[in-house]
């Protein structure tokens, strides 16, 4: 394995055992920005989890193991699971294939239910949302191309949720969200506000967030080295 590959494998906390809030969690609104880095290599088959959204992902493929930089996970969506909010990926392609159960997918304003064996492809820039509205857990193969920065975003958001630094829907606090949204604007954009307004608001909040000790990522949550930003098309 090359040095670059070794760096890439340093990327989120595994879901088992889960992270537990530090004793000082009640006195802070964010993790320690100078926490001890977790240098444990990520393994194929490792499971990451988000207790707020009801998602669990088992790692199937690393971005550095294929020429497309694709990350692949088997995603378990528990009953009632829902991704953090409607969003788009400026420069990523996301493919869902249902293996068990069913997923409801809202894609470019159209809602459909994906059953076993059915797939859907989310192209760059397309607004989408998904949830499990059925009465049983669902399992889907999810492929993200390129996936390295997406993985870093997921480990950050899910790690914050496991530590109790998000709301019940998995959304970080406004100051935390401002830094994450700015750092990962090439990976995911939420639809809650127009992108231009988000940039203005988050730009104003970012200095305050830094001053109060927030960071876009945290060493104890991030075993993925921060990859270069993905080239993104103009806002749609």
Protein backbone atom coordinates (compact mmCIF):
# COMPACT_ATOMS: atom_id res chain seq x y z
CA UNK A 1 0.00 0.00 0.00
CA UNK A 2 1.38 3.40 -0.94
CA UNK A 3 1.88 6.30 1.47
CA UNK A 4 -1.04 8.14 -0.14
CA UNK A 5 -3.29 5.13 0.34
CA UNK A 6 -2.23 4.86 3.97
CA UNK A 7 -3.19 8.51 4.50
CA UNK A 8 -6.56 7.98 2.88
CA UNK A 9 -7.33 5.10 5.19
CA UNK A 10 -7.02 7.41 8.17
CA UNK A 11 -10.57 8.57 7.89
CA UNK A 12 -14.41 8.39 11.17
CA UNK A 13 -15.00 6.66 14.23
CA UNK A 14 -16.38 3.15 13.78
CA UNK A 15 -19.95 2.72 14.87
CA UNK A 16 -19.13 -0.19 17.13
CA UNK A 17 -18.29 0.63 19.84
CA UNK A 18 -20.03 4.01 19.53
CA UNK A 19 -18.49 7.25 20.65
CA UNK A 20 -19.71 8.48 24.02
CA UNK A 21 -19.98 12.13 25.04
CA UNK A 22 -17.03 13.39 27.11
CA UNK A 23 -17.58 14.35 30.73
CA UNK A 24 -17.27 18.01 29.73
CA UNK A 25 -19.89 17.77 26.98
CA UNK A 26 -22.38 19.71 29.06
CA UNK A 27 -19.99 22.67 29.23
CA UNK A 28 -19.22 22.87 25.53
CA UNK A 29 -21.17 23.04 22.30
CA UNK A 30 -18.54 21.26 20.23
CA UNK A 31 -15.82 18.59 20.49
CA UNK A 32 -12.32 19.53 21.63
CA UNK A 33 -10.66 21.14 18.56
CA UNK A 34 -7.32 19.86 19.85
CA UNK A 35 -8.49 16.33 20.58
CA UNK A 36 -6.16 13.35 20.18
CA UNK A 37 -6.28 12.16 16.53
CA UNK A 38 -7.63 8.68 15.88
CA UNK A 39 -5.07 7.02 13.60
CA UNK A 40 -6.76 3.62 13.49
CA UNK A 41 -6.91 2.45 9.85
CA UNK A 42 -10.36 2.14 8.33
CA UNK A 43 -11.24 -1.45 7.46
CA UNK A 44 -13.47 -2.96 4.80
CA UNK A 45 -16.57 -4.17 6.62
CA UNK A 46 -16.35 -1.46 9.28
CA UNK A 47 -19.70 0.05 10.26
CA UNK A 48 -20.39 3.75 10.84
CA UNK A 49 -23.69 4.84 12.41
CA UNK A 50 -25.79 7.95 12.91
CA UNK A 51 -28.19 7.50 15.86
CA UNK A 52 -30.04 10.72 15.01
CA UNK A 53 -30.98 9.86 11.43
CA UNK A 54 -31.25 6.07 11.82
CA UNK A 55 -28.53 5.29 9.27
CA UNK A 56 -25.83 2.62 9.44
CA UNK A 57 -23.23 2.17 6.72
CA UNK A 58 -20.96 -0.85 6.23
CA UNK A 59 -17.89 0.01 4.16
CA UNK A 60 -17.61 -2.09 1.01
CA UNK A 61 -15.13 -0.18 -1.15
CA UNK A 62 -12.49 2.50 -0.55
CA UNK A 63 -12.07 5.46 -2.95
CA UNK A 64 -8.39 4.59 -3.43
CA UNK A 65 -9.18 1.02 -4.55
CA UNK A 66 -10.63 1.94 -7.95
CA UNK A 67 -9.70 4.41 -10.74
CA UNK A 68 -12.97 6.36 -10.34
CA UNK A 69 -12.36 7.20 -6.68
CA UNK A 70 -15.67 5.55 -5.82
CA UNK A 71 -16.76 4.91 -2.23
CA UNK A 72 -19.28 2.13 -1.72
CA UNK A 73 -21.29 1.28 1.39
CA UNK A 74 -24.16 -1.00 2.28
CA UNK A 75 -26.58 1.39 3.94
CA UNK A 76 -29.08 0.15 6.49
CA UNK A 77 -31.96 2.59 6.88
CA UNK A 78 -33.86 1.76 10.05
CA UNK A 79 -37.63 2.19 10.18
CA UNK A 80 -38.25 5.95 10.10
CA UNK A 81 -34.70 6.75 8.97
CA UNK A 82 -34.26 9.92 6.97
CA UNK A 83 -31.23 11.71 5.58
CA UNK A 84 -30.45 15.04 7.28
CA UNK A 85 -32.34 17.13 4.70
CA UNK A 86 -33.02 17.72 1.01
CA UNK A 87 -29.73 18.53 -0.68
CA UNK A 88 -27.63 18.32 -3.81
CA UNK A 89 -24.06 17.27 -4.58
CA UNK A 90 -22.38 19.85 -6.86
CA UNK A 91 -19.78 17.46 -8.27
CA UNK A 92 -20.68 13.93 -7.16
CA UNK A 93 -22.72 11.08 -8.63
CA UNK A 94 -24.69 8.98 -6.14
CA UNK A 95 -26.27 5.64 -7.03
CA UNK A 96 -28.77 3.75 -4.83
CA UNK A 97 -29.64 0.07 -5.34
CA UNK A 98 -32.12 -1.45 -2.89
CA UNK A 99 -31.13 -4.90 -1.60
CA UNK A 100 -33.83 -5.40 1.05
CA UNK A 101 -37.01 -3.58 1.94
CA UNK A 102 -37.75 -0.27 0.20
CA UNK A 103 -36.65 3.36 0.17
CA UNK A 104 -38.64 6.44 -0.76
CA UNK A 105 -36.60 8.78 -2.94
CA UNK A 106 -37.45 12.35 -3.89
CA UNK A 107 -35.41 13.18 -6.97
CA UNK A 108 -35.66 16.53 -8.74
CA UNK A 109 -39.12 17.08 -7.28
CA UNK A 110 -40.46 13.62 -8.19
CA UNK A 111 -41.10 11.05 -5.45
CA UNK A 112 -40.89 7.31 -6.05
CA UNK A 113 -40.45 4.15 -4.00
CA UNK A 114 -37.45 1.97 -4.79
CA UNK A 115 -38.08 -1.75 -4.26
CA UNK A 116 -35.63 -4.65 -4.13
CA UNK A 117 -33.43 -4.72 -7.23
CA UNK A 118 -34.34 -1.19 -8.33
CA UNK A 119 -31.75 1.57 -8.69
CA UNK A 120 -31.69 5.34 -8.98
CA UNK A 121 -28.83 7.62 -10.01
CA UNK A 122 -28.50 11.12 -8.61
CA UNK A 123 -26.51 13.28 -11.02
CA UNK A 124 -24.46 16.32 -9.88
CA UNK A 125 -26.55 19.33 -8.96
CA UNK A 126 -29.88 17.47 -8.68
CA UNK A 127 -31.90 18.11 -5.52
CA UNK A 128 -32.84 14.94 -3.71
CA UNK A 129 -34.02 13.51 -0.41
CA UNK A 130 -34.71 9.99 0.84
CA UNK A 131 -36.32 8.23 3.79
CA UNK A 132 -37.64 4.85 4.94
CA UNK A 133 -41.42 5.12 5.24
CA UNK A 134 -41.97 1.35 5.45
CA UNK A 135 -42.50 -0.82 8.52
CA UNK A 136 -39.19 -2.67 8.21
CA UNK A 137 -35.53 -1.80 7.90
CA UNK A 138 -34.15 -1.27 4.40
CA UNK A 139 -30.75 -2.17 2.96
CA UNK A 140 -29.27 -0.41 -0.05
CA UNK A 141 -25.95 -0.36 -1.86
CA UNK A 142 -24.83 3.25 -2.20
CA UNK A 143 -22.01 4.25 -4.54
CA UNK A 144 -20.55 7.77 -4.45
CA UNK A 145 -18.16 8.95 -7.16
CA UNK A 146 -15.80 10.53 -6.24
CA UNK A 147 -16.19 9.52 -2.62
CA UNK A 148 -13.19 10.63 -0.58
CA UNK A 149 -14.45 14.04 0.55
CA UNK A 150 -17.99 12.69 0.88
CA UNK A 151 -16.65 10.11 3.36
CA UNK A 152 -14.94 12.85 5.36
CA UNK A 153 -18.18 14.84 5.53
CA UNK A 154 -20.16 11.79 6.63
CA UNK A 155 -17.72 10.83 9.37
CA UNK A 156 -17.83 14.40 10.68
CA UNK A 157 -21.63 14.71 10.68
CA UNK A 158 -22.21 11.22 12.05
CA UNK A 159 -19.48 11.61 14.66
CA UNK A 160 -21.07 14.84 15.89
CA UNK A 161 -24.43 13.06 16.10
CA UNK A 162 -22.97 10.19 18.13
CA UNK A 163 -21.42 12.68 20.54
CA UNK A 164 -24.70 14.55 20.94
CA UNK A 165 -23.69 17.72 19.11
CA UNK A 166 -26.64 17.74 16.69
CA UNK A 167 -30.38 18.09 17.01
CA UNK A 168 -32.78 15.14 16.89
CA UNK A 169 -32.69 15.17 13.07
CA UNK A 170 -28.89 15.07 12.90
CA UNK A 171 -28.43 18.75 12.02
CA UNK A 172 -25.44 20.50 13.66
CA UNK A 173 -25.88 23.74 15.59
CA UNK A 174 -25.80 26.92 13.42
CA UNK A 175 -22.20 27.90 14.24
CA UNK A 176 -20.99 24.35 13.62
CA UNK A 177 -23.03 24.09 10.43
CA UNK A 178 -21.54 27.33 9.12
CA UNK A 179 -18.02 25.90 9.15
CA UNK A 180 -18.99 22.47 7.82
CA UNK A 181 -21.09 23.96 5.01
CA UNK A 182 -18.24 26.23 3.91
CA UNK A 183 -15.60 23.51 4.02
CA UNK A 184 -17.74 20.93 2.22
CA UNK A 185 -19.66 23.19 -0.18
CA UNK A 186 -18.24 21.14 -3.07
CA UNK A 187 -19.71 17.98 -1.54
CA UNK A 188 -23.19 18.89 -0.30
CA UNK A 189 -25.49 21.91 -0.35
CA UNK A 190 -28.68 21.93 1.74
CA UNK A 191 -31.87 23.29 0.20
CA UNK A 192 -33.10 25.10 3.31
CA UNK A 193 -32.04 28.47 1.84
CA UNK A 194 -30.81 29.64 -1.60
CA UNK A 195 -27.05 29.02 -1.97
CA UNK A 196 -26.24 32.74 -2.22
CA UNK A 197 -28.00 33.46 1.08
CA UNK A 198 -26.34 30.46 2.72
CA UNK A 199 -22.92 31.75 1.66
CA UNK A 200 -23.68 35.17 3.11
CA UNK A 201 -25.01 33.83 6.42
CA UNK A 202 -22.33 31.20 6.88
CA UNK A 203 -19.64 33.70 5.89
CA UNK A 204 -20.82 36.02 8.65
CA UNK A 205 -21.04 33.22 11.23
CA UNK A 206 -17.69 31.59 10.42
CA UNK A 207 -15.41 34.06 12.30
CA UNK A 208 -17.66 33.84 15.36
CA UNK A 209 -17.61 30.05 15.18
CA UNK A 210 -13.81 29.95 14.98
CA UNK A 211 -13.53 32.38 17.89
CA UNK A 212 -15.78 30.15 20.00
CA UNK A 213 -13.67 27.06 19.29
CA UNK A 214 -15.70 25.37 16.57
CA UNK A 215 -13.90 23.69 13.65
CA UNK A 216 -15.13 22.25 10.35
CA UNK A 217 -13.60 18.88 11.27
CA UNK A 218 -12.13 17.42 14.43
CA UNK A 219 -9.06 15.15 14.75
CA UNK A 220 -10.78 12.65 17.03
CA UNK A 221 -13.60 12.18 14.49
CA UNK A 222 -11.62 12.24 11.26
CA UNK A 223 -9.58 9.28 10.18
CA UNK A 224 -9.83 10.49 6.57
CA UNK A 225 -7.17 13.02 5.63
CA UNK A 226 -8.87 16.09 4.18
CA UNK A 227 -8.69 15.62 0.41
CA UNK A 228 -8.44 18.48 -2.11
CA UNK A 229 -11.72 20.16 -2.94
CA UNK A 230 -13.67 18.72 -5.86
CA UNK A 231 -13.98 21.00 -8.85
CA UNK A 232 -17.60 22.07 -8.89
CA UNK A 233 -19.78 23.56 -11.62
CA UNK A 234 -21.43 26.97 -11.33
CA UNK A 235 -24.49 27.20 -9.06
CA UNK A 236 -27.71 26.08 -10.66
